[in-house]
Amino acid sequence: MNLTGKQARYLRGLGHHLKPVVMVGKDEVNEAIIAATDEALNSHELIKVKLQEGCLGDRKDVAAELASATDACVAQILGKNFLLYRESEEKKIKLPTAK
């Protein structure tokens, strides 16, 4: 699923106040990080992920890798943080519809 510009802007607005729930450190993207991200997406739909100082990978590469591993969309990459979105069964977040 790809987000439209309008949907990404909406999610960025919602994600602004979120605290990071997943931290990517020097081990970068591994099974434990993927499992934690998957669990967080199941319960929240929209999560903020923070790259810590020890993470040597490029933020865009890490975001893309984590998004593809969890079947999520990257809504925003800003500094050392990025937002991931994946619709859950309950559909907690109602996205604006594409025209």
PDB file of N, CA and C in Angstrom:
ATOM      1  N   MET A   1       0.844  -1.194   0.000  1.00  0.00           N
ATOM      2  CA  MET A   1       0.000   0.000   0.000  1.00  0.00           C
ATOM      3  C   MET A   1       0.880   1.244   0.000  1.00  0.00           C
ATOM      4  N   ASN A   2       0.618   2.146  -0.908  1.00  0.00           N
ATOM      5  CA  ASN A   2       1.321   3.423  -0.941  1.00  0.00           C
ATOM      6  C   ASN A   2       0.405   4.515  -0.425  1.00  0.00           C
ATOM      7  N   LEU A   3       0.989   5.444   0.310  1.00  0.00           N
ATOM      8  CA  LEU A   3       0.217   6.563   0.843  1.00  0.00           C
ATOM      9  C   LEU A   3       0.179   7.693  -0.174  1.00  0.00           C
ATOM     10  N   THR A   4      -0.964   8.362  -0.261  1.00  0.00           N
ATOM     11  CA  THR A   4      -1.032   9.578  -1.076  1.00  0.00           C
ATOM     12  C   THR A   4      -0.397  10.705  -0.266  1.00  0.00           C
ATOM     13  N   GLY A   5      -0.138  11.824  -0.923  1.00  0.00           N
ATOM     14  CA  GLY A   5       0.443  12.971  -0.223  1.00  0.00           C
ATOM     15  C   GLY A   5      -0.455  13.454   0.906  1.00  0.00           C
ATOM     16  N   LYS A   6      -1.761  13.457   0.645  1.00  0.00           N
ATOM     17  CA  LYS A   6      -2.725  13.906   1.646  1.00  0.00           C
ATOM     18  C   LYS A   6      -2.721  12.966   2.862  1.00  0.00           C
ATOM     19  N   GLN A   7      -2.663  11.668   2.607  1.00  0.00           N
ATOM     20  CA  GLN A   7      -2.648  10.687   3.695  1.00  0.00           C
ATOM     21  C   GLN A   7      -1.356  10.796   4.510  1.00  0.00           C
ATOM     22  N   ALA A   8      -0.230  10.965   3.834  1.00  0.00           N
ATOM     23  CA  ALA A   8       1.051  11.106   4.527  1.00  0.00           C
ATOM     24  C   ALA A   8       1.054  12.358   5.407  1.00  0.00           C
ATOM     25  N   ARG A   9       0.509  13.472   4.876  1.00  0.00           N
ATOM     26  CA  ARG A   9       0.434  14.704   5.680  1.00  0.00           C
ATOM     27  C   ARG A   9      -0.427  14.502   6.916  1.00  0.00           C
ATOM     28  N   TYR A  10      -1.547  13.813   6.749  1.00  0.00           N
ATOM     29  CA  TYR A  10      -2.445  13.536   7.866  1.00  0.00           C
ATOM     30  C   TYR A  10      -1.727  12.704   8.936  1.00  0.00           C
ATOM     31  N   LEU A  11      -1.012  11.674   8.508  1.00  0.00           N
ATOM     32  CA  LEU A  11      -0.283  10.820   9.455  1.00  0.00           C
ATOM     33  C   LEU A  11       0.857  11.576  10.131  1.00  0.00           C
ATOM     34  N   ARG A  12       1.521  12.456   9.400  1.00  0.00           N
ATOM     35  CA  ARG A  12       2.589  13.259  10.013  1.00  0.00           C
ATOM     36  C   ARG A  12       2.032  14.131  11.124  1.00  0.00           C
ATOM     37  N   GLY A  13       0.833  14.679  10.903  1.00  0.00           N
ATOM     38  CA  GLY A  13       0.180  15.482  11.937  1.00  0.00           C
ATOM     39  C   GLY A  13      -0.130  14.664  13.172  1.00  0.00           C
ATOM     40  N   LEU A  14      -0.614  13.443  12.961  1.00  0.00           N
ATOM     41  CA  LEU A  14      -0.917  12.559  14.099  1.00  0.00           C
ATOM     42  C   LEU A  14       0.356  12.100  14.796  1.00  0.00           C
ATOM     43  N   GLY A  15       1.410  11.881  14.040  1.00  0.00           N
ATOM     44  CA  GLY A  15       2.643  11.322  14.591  1.00  0.00           C
ATOM     45  C   GLY A  15       3.537  12.332  15.277  1.00  0.00           C
ATOM     46  N   HIS A  16       3.253  13.614  15.085  1.00  0.00           N
ATOM     47  CA  HIS A  16       4.109  14.657  15.651  1.00  0.00           C
ATOM     48  C   HIS A  16       4.295  14.512  17.157  1.00  0.00           C
ATOM     49  N   HIS A  17       3.224  14.179  17.874  1.00  0.00           N
ATOM     50  CA  HIS A  17       3.285  14.131  19.335  1.00  0.00           C
ATOM     51  C   HIS A  17       3.666  12.757  19.883  1.00  0.00           C
ATOM     52  N   LEU A  18       3.841  11.784  19.012  1.00  0.00           N
ATOM     53  CA  LEU A  18       4.159  10.431  19.480  1.00  0.00           C
ATOM     54  C   LEU A  18       5.568  10.345  20.037  1.00  0.00           C
ATOM     55  N   LYS A  19       5.735   9.483  21.014  1.00  0.00           N
ATOM     56  CA  LYS A  19       7.066   9.157  21.534  1.00  0.00           C
ATOM     57  C   LYS A  19       7.557   7.929  20.769  1.00  0.00           C
ATOM     58  N   PRO A  20       8.868   7.808  20.529  1.00  0.00           N
ATOM     59  CA  PRO A  20       9.378   6.627  19.836  1.00  0.00           C
ATOM     60  C   PRO A  20       9.096   5.353  20.646  1.00  0.00           C
ATOM     61  N   VAL A  21       8.562   4.327  19.991  1.00  0.00           N
ATOM     62  CA  VAL A  21       8.281   3.059  20.671  1.00  0.00           C
ATOM     63  C   VAL A  21       9.285   1.976  20.283  1.00  0.00           C
ATOM     64  N   VAL A  22      10.006   2.193  19.183  1.00  0.00           N
ATOM     65  CA  VAL A  22      11.038   1.242  18.758  1.00  0.00           C
ATOM     66  C   VAL A  22      12.325   2.028  18.568  1.00  0.00           C
ATOM     67  N   MET A  23      13.425   1.480  19.104  1.00  0.00           N
ATOM     68  CA  MET A  23      14.734   2.120  18.970  1.00  0.00           C
ATOM     69  C   MET A  23      15.643   1.194  18.166  1.00  0.00           C
ATOM     70  N   VAL A  24      16.267   1.729  17.123  1.00  0.00           N
ATOM     71  CA  VAL A  24      17.202   0.954  16.318  1.00  0.00           C
ATOM     72  C   VAL A  24      18.607   1.394  16.695  1.00  0.00           C
ATOM     73  N   GLY A  25      19.392   0.447  17.205  1.00  0.00           N
ATOM     74  CA  GLY A  25      20.744   0.756  17.669  1.00  0.00           C
ATOM     75  C   GLY A  25      21.813   0.182  16.769  1.00  0.00           C
ATOM     76  N   LYS A  26      22.942  -0.182  17.359  1.00  0.00           N
ATOM     77  CA  LYS A  26      24.081  -0.638  16.571  1.00  0.00           C
ATOM     78  C   LYS A  26      23.843  -1.961  15.855  1.00  0.00           C
ATOM     79  N   ASP A  27      22.885  -2.757  16.346  1.00  0.00           N
ATOM     80  CA  ASP A  27      22.582  -4.028  15.674  1.00  0.00           C
ATOM     81  C   ASP A  27      21.730  -3.811  14.430  1.00  0.00           C
ATOM     82  N   GLU A  28      21.276  -2.603  14.232  1.00  0.00           N
ATOM     83  CA  GLU A  28      20.429  -2.221  13.103  1.00  0.00           C
ATOM     84  C   GLU A  28      19.176  -3.089  13.034  1.00  0.00           C
ATOM     85  N   VAL A  29      18.711  -3.410  11.838  1.00  0.00           N
ATOM     86  CA  VAL A  29      17.449  -4.152  11.701  1.00  0.00           C
ATOM     87  C   VAL A  29      17.732  -5.648  11.837  1.00  0.00           C
ATOM     88  N   ASN A  30      17.223  -6.250  12.916  1.00  0.00           N
ATOM     89  CA  ASN A  30      17.364  -7.686  13.122  1.00  0.00           C
ATOM     90  C   ASN A  30      15.998  -8.268  13.466  1.00  0.00           C
ATOM     91  N   GLU A  31      15.943  -9.556  13.738  1.00  0.00           N
ATOM     92  CA  GLU A  31      14.666 -10.231  14.011  1.00  0.00           C
ATOM     93  C   GLU A  31      13.936  -9.616  15.210  1.00  0.00           C
ATOM     94  N   ALA A  32      14.683  -9.264  16.261  1.00  0.00           N
ATOM     95  CA  ALA A  32      14.065  -8.695  17.467  1.00  0.00           C
ATOM     96  C   ALA A  32      13.424  -7.337  17.166  1.00  0.00           C
ATOM     97  N   ILE A  33      14.112  -6.514  16.400  1.00  0.00           N
ATOM     98  CA  ILE A  33      13.582  -5.188  16.022  1.00  0.00           C
ATOM     99  C   ILE A  33      12.343  -5.354  15.152  1.00  0.00           C
ATOM    100  N   ILE A  34      12.395  -6.288  14.203  1.00  0.00           N
ATOM    101  CA  ILE A  34      11.257  -6.527  13.315  1.00  0.00           C
ATOM    102  C   ILE A  34      10.053  -7.012  14.117  1.00  0.00           C
ATOM    103  N   ALA A  35      10.284  -7.924  15.071  1.00  0.00           N
ATOM    104  CA  ALA A  35       9.194  -8.443  15.914  1.00  0.00           C
ATOM    105  C   ALA A  35       8.593  -7.332  16.769  1.00  0.00           C
ATOM    106  N   ALA A  36       9.439  -6.487  17.361  1.00  0.00           N
ATOM    107  CA  ALA A  36       8.955  -5.386  18.202  1.00  0.00           C
ATOM    108  C   ALA A  36       8.158  -4.381  17.370  1.00  0.00           C
ATOM    109  N   THR A  37       8.635  -4.095  16.173  1.00  0.00           N
ATOM    110  CA  THR A  37       7.944  -3.156  15.279  1.00  0.00           C
ATOM    111  C   THR A  37       6.596  -3.722  14.853  1.00  0.00           C
ATOM    112  N   ASP A  38       6.583  -5.003  14.511  1.00  0.00           N
ATOM    113  CA  ASP A  38       5.351  -5.666  14.089  1.00  0.00           C
ATOM    114  C   ASP A  38       4.306  -5.622  15.202  1.00  0.00           C
ATOM    115  N   GLU A  39       4.735  -5.910  16.413  1.00  0.00           N
ATOM    116  CA  GLU A  39       3.834  -5.888  17.576  1.00  0.00           C
ATOM    117  C   GLU A  39       3.298  -4.476  17.826  1.00  0.00           C
ATOM    118  N   ALA A  40       4.182  -3.483  17.745  1.00  0.00           N
ATOM    119  CA  ALA A  40       3.778  -2.089  17.968  1.00  0.00           C
ATOM    120  C   ALA A  40       2.785  -1.637  16.895  1.00  0.00           C
ATOM    121  N   LEU A  41       3.026  -2.029  15.641  1.00  0.00           N
ATOM    122  CA  LEU A  41       2.109  -1.653  14.557  1.00  0.00           C
ATOM    123  C   LEU A  41       0.746  -2.312  14.739  1.00  0.00           C
ATOM    124  N   ASN A  42       0.721  -3.547  15.244  1.00  0.00           N
ATOM    125  CA  ASN A  42      -0.549  -4.230  15.487  1.00  0.00           C
ATOM    126  C   ASN A  42      -1.392  -3.489  16.514  1.00  0.00           C
ATOM    127  N   SER A  43      -0.747  -2.938  17.530  1.00  0.00           N
ATOM    128  CA  SER A  43      -1.522  -2.285  18.579  1.00  0.00           C
ATOM    129  C   SER A  43      -1.746  -0.792  18.340  1.00  0.00           C
ATOM    130  N   HIS A  44      -0.890  -0.131  17.562  1.00  0.00           N
ATOM    131  CA  HIS A  44      -1.018   1.323  17.401  1.00  0.00           C
ATOM    132  C   HIS A  44      -1.316   1.804  15.984  1.00  0.00           C
ATOM    133  N   GLU A  45      -1.010   1.038  14.967  1.00  0.00           N
ATOM    134  CA  GLU A  45      -1.120   1.418  13.547  1.00  0.00           C
ATOM    135  C   GLU A  45      -0.064   2.431  13.114  1.00  0.00           C
ATOM    136  N   LEU A  46       0.137   3.492  13.880  1.00  0.00           N
ATOM    137  CA  LEU A  46       1.126   4.520  13.545  1.00  0.00           C
ATOM    138  C   LEU A  46       2.145   4.582  14.669  1.00  0.00           C
ATOM    139  N   ILE A  47       3.416   4.358  14.330  1.00  0.00           N
ATOM    140  CA  ILE A  47       4.459   4.380  15.371  1.00  0.00           C
ATOM    141  C   ILE A  47       5.631   5.241  14.924  1.00  0.00           C
ATOM    142  N   LYS A  48       6.357   5.725  15.931  1.00  0.00           N
ATOM    143  CA  LYS A  48       7.577   6.481  15.668  1.00  0.00           C
ATOM    144  C   LYS A  48       8.757   5.581  16.031  1.00  0.00           C
ATOM    145  N   VAL A  49       9.736   5.538  15.139  1.00  0.00           N
ATOM    146  CA  VAL A  49      10.944   4.750  15.346  1.00  0.00           C
ATOM    147  C   VAL A  49      12.123   5.709  15.411  1.00  0.00           C
ATOM    148  N   LYS A  50      13.021   5.485  16.366  1.00  0.00           N
ATOM    149  CA  LYS A  50      14.174   6.369  16.538  1.00  0.00           C
ATOM    150  C   LYS A  50      15.460   5.611  16.239  1.00  0.00           C
ATOM    151  N   LEU A  51      16.342   6.241  15.483  1.00  0.00           N
ATOM    152  CA  LEU A  51      17.673   5.688  15.251  1.00  0.00           C
ATOM    153  C   LEU A  51      18.587   6.232  16.327  1.00  0.00           C
ATOM    154  N   GLN A  52      19.228   5.338  17.050  1.00  0.00           N
ATOM    155  CA  GLN A  52      20.130   5.778  18.119  1.00  0.00           C
ATOM    156  C   GLN A  52      21.515   6.071  17.551  1.00  0.00           C
ATOM    157  N   GLU A  53      22.357   6.665  18.384  1.00  0.00           N
ATOM    158  CA  GLU A  53      23.694   7.077  17.950  1.00  0.00           C
ATOM    159  C   GLU A  53      24.508   5.930  17.338  1.00  0.00           C
ATOM    160  N   GLY A  54      24.367   4.720  17.885  1.00  0.00           N
ATOM    161  CA  GLY A  54      25.169   3.590  17.422  1.00  0.00           C
ATOM    162  C   GLY A  54      24.766   3.056  16.063  1.00  0.00           C
ATOM    163  N   CYS A  55      23.619   3.443  15.564  1.00  0.00           N
ATOM    164  CA  CYS A  55      23.126   2.943  14.274  1.00  0.00           C
ATOM    165  C   CYS A  55      23.913   3.591  13.141  1.00  0.00           C
ATOM    166  N   LEU A  56      24.632   2.775  12.388  1.00  0.00           N
ATOM    167  CA  LEU A  56      25.487   3.304  11.328  1.00  0.00           C
ATOM    168  C   LEU A  56      24.789   3.343   9.970  1.00  0.00           C
ATOM    169  N   GLY A  57      23.640   2.665   9.853  1.00  0.00           N
ATOM    170  CA  GLY A  57      22.926   2.616   8.576  1.00  0.00           C
ATOM    171  C   GLY A  57      22.294   3.953   8.225  1.00  0.00           C
ATOM    172  N   ASP A  58      22.065   4.170   6.931  1.00  0.00           N
ATOM    173  CA  ASP A  58      21.390   5.366   6.459  1.00  0.00           C
ATOM    174  C   ASP A  58      19.932   5.323   6.906  1.00  0.00           C
ATOM    175  N   ARG A  59      19.417   6.431   7.388  1.00  0.00           N
ATOM    176  CA  ARG A  59      18.054   6.458   7.939  1.00  0.00           C
ATOM    177  C   ARG A  59      17.010   6.038   6.911  1.00  0.00           C
ATOM    178  N   LYS A  60      17.197   6.420   5.647  1.00  0.00           N
ATOM    179  CA  LYS A  60      16.231   6.049   4.604  1.00  0.00           C
ATOM    180  C   LYS A  60      16.270   4.545   4.337  1.00  0.00           C
ATOM    181  N   ASP A  61      17.477   3.979   4.352  1.00  0.00           N
ATOM    182  CA  ASP A  61      17.625   2.535   4.133  1.00  0.00           C
ATOM    183  C   ASP A  61      17.011   1.749   5.282  1.00  0.00           C
ATOM    184  N   VAL A  62      17.266   2.186   6.512  1.00  0.00           N
ATOM    185  CA  VAL A  62      16.722   1.505   7.691  1.00  0.00           C
ATOM    186  C   VAL A  62      15.199   1.585   7.684  1.00  0.00           C
ATOM    187  N   ALA A  63      14.653   2.762   7.371  1.00  0.00           N
ATOM    188  CA  ALA A  63      13.197   2.943   7.322  1.00  0.00           C
ATOM    189  C   ALA A  63      12.576   2.040   6.251  1.00  0.00           C
ATOM    190  N   ALA A  64      13.182   2.002   5.069  1.00  0.00           N
ATOM    191  CA  ALA A  64      12.662   1.177   3.976  1.00  0.00           C
ATOM    192  C   ALA A  64      12.739  -0.308   4.320  1.00  0.00           C
ATOM    193  N   GLU A  65      13.849  -0.720   4.918  1.00  0.00           N
ATOM    194  CA  GLU A  65      14.035  -2.132   5.283  1.00  0.00           C
ATOM    195  C   GLU A  65      13.016  -2.564   6.327  1.00  0.00           C
ATOM    196  N   LEU A  66      12.827  -1.735   7.340  1.00  0.00           N
ATOM    197  CA  LEU A  66      11.872  -2.053   8.409  1.00  0.00           C
ATOM    198  C   LEU A  66      10.433  -2.028   7.880  1.00  0.00           C
ATOM    199  N   ALA A  67      10.137  -1.085   7.009  1.00  0.00           N
ATOM    200  CA  ALA A  67       8.796  -1.000   6.427  1.00  0.00           C
ATOM    201  C   ALA A  67       8.490  -2.237   5.579  1.00  0.00           C
ATOM    202  N   SER A  68       9.446  -2.664   4.760  1.00  0.00           N
ATOM    203  CA  SER A  68       9.184  -3.827   3.908  1.00  0.00           C
ATOM    204  C   SER A  68       9.115  -5.111   4.734  1.00  0.00           C
ATOM    205  N   ALA A  69       9.900  -5.203   5.807  1.00  0.00           N
ATOM    206  CA  ALA A  69       9.889  -6.395   6.660  1.00  0.00           C
ATOM    207  C   ALA A  69       8.580  -6.537   7.426  1.00  0.00           C
ATOM    208  N   THR A  70       7.914  -5.401   7.715  1.00  0.00           N
ATOM    209  CA  THR A  70       6.669  -5.435   8.492  1.00  0.00           C
ATOM    210  C   THR A  70       5.445  -5.119   7.637  1.00  0.00           C
ATOM    211  N   ASP A  71       5.626  -4.972   6.329  1.00  0.00           N
ATOM    212  CA  ASP A  71       4.543  -4.665   5.401  1.00  0.00           C
ATOM    213  C   ASP A  71       3.850  -3.349   5.779  1.00  0.00           C
ATOM    214  N   ALA A  72       4.665  -2.345   6.108  1.00  0.00           N
ATOM    215  CA  ALA A  72       4.156  -1.040   6.531  1.00  0.00           C
ATOM    216  C   ALA A  72       4.560   0.022   5.507  1.00  0.00           C
ATOM    217  N   CYS A  73       4.074   1.235   5.700  1.00  0.00           N
ATOM    218  CA  CYS A  73       4.428   2.378   4.853  1.00  0.00           C
ATOM    219  C   CYS A  73       5.216   3.380   5.680  1.00  0.00           C
ATOM    220  N   VAL A  74       6.190   4.007   5.059  1.00  0.00           N
ATOM    221  CA  VAL A  74       6.926   5.085   5.721  1.00  0.00           C
ATOM    222  C   VAL A  74       6.144   6.369   5.467  1.00  0.00           C
ATOM    223  N   ALA A  75       5.653   6.982   6.553  1.00  0.00           N
ATOM    224  CA  ALA A  75       4.873   8.217   6.424  1.00  0.00           C
ATOM    225  C   ALA A  75       5.768   9.453   6.460  1.00  0.00           C
ATOM    226  N   GLN A  76       6.896   9.338   7.163  1.00  0.00           N
ATOM    227  CA  GLN A  76       7.792  10.493   7.284  1.00  0.00           C
ATOM    228  C   GLN A  76       9.159  10.031   7.765  1.00  0.00           C
ATOM    229  N   ILE A  77      10.197  10.702   7.275  1.00  0.00           N
ATOM    230  CA  ILE A  77      11.548  10.546   7.809  1.00  0.00           C
ATOM    231  C   ILE A  77      12.000  11.946   8.172  1.00  0.00           C
ATOM    232  N   LEU A  78      12.305  12.150   9.452  1.00  0.00           N
ATOM    233  CA  LEU A  78      12.702  13.476   9.913  1.00  0.00           C
ATOM    234  C   LEU A  78      13.818  13.322  10.931  1.00  0.00           C
ATOM    235  N   GLY A  79      14.995  13.795  10.591  1.00  0.00           N
ATOM    236  CA  GLY A  79      16.133  13.665  11.492  1.00  0.00           C
ATOM    237  C   GLY A  79      16.439  12.197  11.754  1.00  0.00           C
ATOM    238  N   LYS A  80      16.535  11.827  13.023  1.00  0.00           N
ATOM    239  CA  LYS A  80      16.823  10.444  13.400  1.00  0.00           C
ATOM    240  C   LYS A  80      15.550   9.644  13.663  1.00  0.00           C
ATOM    241  N   ASN A  81      14.392  10.212  13.358  1.00  0.00           N
ATOM    242  CA  ASN A  81      13.109   9.532  13.591  1.00  0.00           C
ATOM    243  C   ASN A  81      12.388   9.286  12.281  1.00  0.00           C
ATOM    244  N   PHE A  82      11.559   8.251  12.275  1.00  0.00           N
ATOM    245  CA  PHE A  82      10.650   8.063  11.147  1.00  0.00           C
ATOM    246  C   PHE A  82       9.351   7.452  11.629  1.00  0.00           C
ATOM    247  N   LEU A  83       8.293   7.708  10.867  1.00  0.00           N
ATOM    248  CA  LEU A  83       6.955   7.201  11.183  1.00  0.00           C
ATOM    249  C   LEU A  83       6.618   6.042  10.263  1.00  0.00           C
ATOM    250  N   LEU A  84       6.100   4.972  10.852  1.00  0.00           N
ATOM    251  CA  LEU A  84       5.625   3.827  10.082  1.00  0.00           C
ATOM    252  C   LEU A  84       4.133   3.674  10.309  1.00  0.00           C
ATOM    253  N   TYR A  85       3.411   3.347   9.251  1.00  0.00           N
ATOM    254  CA  TYR A  85       1.965   3.143   9.341  1.00  0.00           C
ATOM    255  C   TYR A  85       1.592   1.808   8.706  1.00  0.00           C
ATOM    256  N   ARG A  86       0.737   1.074   9.395  1.00  0.00           N
ATOM    257  CA  ARG A  86       0.144  -0.132   8.829  1.00  0.00           C
ATOM    258  C   ARG A  86      -1.253  -0.277   9.390  1.00  0.00           C
ATOM    259  N   GLU A  87      -2.217  -0.422   8.501  1.00  0.00           N
ATOM    260  CA  GLU A  87      -3.614  -0.563   8.924  1.00  0.00           C
ATOM    261  C   GLU A  87      -3.787  -1.876   9.677  1.00  0.00           C
ATOM    262  N   SER A  88      -4.528  -1.843  10.787  1.00  0.00           N
ATOM    263  CA  SER A  88      -4.780  -3.063  11.558  1.00  0.00           C
ATOM    264  C   SER A  88      -6.231  -3.493  11.371  1.00  0.00           C
ATOM    265  N   GLU A  89      -6.580  -4.603  11.996  1.00  0.00           N
ATOM    266  CA  GLU A  89      -7.942  -5.145  11.883  1.00  0.00           C
ATOM    267  C   GLU A  89      -8.989  -4.129  12.359  1.00  0.00           C
ATOM    268  N   GLU A  90      -8.695  -3.442  13.488  1.00  0.00           N
ATOM    269  CA  GLU A  90      -9.673  -2.514  14.081  1.00  0.00           C
ATOM    270  C   GLU A  90      -9.778  -1.197  13.326  1.00  0.00           C
ATOM    271  N   LYS A  91      -8.813  -0.881  12.467  1.00  0.00           N
ATOM    272  CA  LYS A  91      -8.790   0.391  11.729  1.00  0.00           C
ATOM    273  C   LYS A  91      -8.989   1.579  12.674  1.00  0.00           C
ATOM    274  N   LYS A  92      -8.013   1.808  13.545  1.00  0.00           N
ATOM    275  CA  LYS A  92      -8.086   2.894  14.526  1.00  0.00           C
ATOM    276  C   LYS A  92      -7.959   4.270  13.875  1.00  0.00           C
ATOM    277  N   ILE A  93      -7.179   4.354  12.805  1.00  0.00           N
ATOM    278  CA  ILE A  93      -6.940   5.637  12.132  1.00  0.00           C
ATOM    279  C   ILE A  93      -7.704   5.639  10.821  1.00  0.00           C
ATOM    280  N   LYS A  94      -8.541   6.669  10.641  1.00  0.00           N
ATOM    281  CA  LYS A  94      -9.288   6.789   9.380  1.00  0.00           C
ATOM    282  C   LYS A  94      -8.523   7.762   8.477  1.00  0.00           C
ATOM    283  N   LEU A  95      -7.927   7.206   7.421  1.00  0.00           N
ATOM    284  CA  LEU A  95      -7.155   8.026   6.486  1.00  0.00           C
ATOM    285  C   LEU A  95      -8.074   8.790   5.555  1.00  0.00           C
ATOM    286  N   PRO A  96      -7.656   9.994   5.138  1.00  0.00           N
ATOM    287  CA  PRO A  96      -8.420  10.704   4.113  1.00  0.00           C
ATOM    288  C   PRO A  96      -8.410   9.867   2.829  1.00  0.00           C
ATOM    289  N   THR A  97      -9.506   9.855   2.123  1.00  0.00           N
ATOM    290  CA  THR A  97      -9.589   9.046   0.898  1.00  0.00           C
ATOM    291  C   THR A  97      -8.923   9.757  -0.263  1.00  0.00           C
ATOM    292  N   ALA A  98      -8.338   8.958  -1.141  1.00  0.00           N
ATOM    293  CA  ALA A  98      -7.713   9.503  -2.338  1.00  0.00           C
ATOM    294  C   ALA A  98      -8.820   9.846  -3.336  1.00  0.00           C
ATOM    295  N   LYS A  99      -8.625  10.931  -4.064  1.00  0.00           N
ATOM    296  CA  LYS A  99      -9.649  11.357  -5.048  1.00  0.00           C
ATOM    297  C   LYS A  99      -9.539  10.553  -6.309  1.00  0.00           C
TER     298      LYS A  99
END
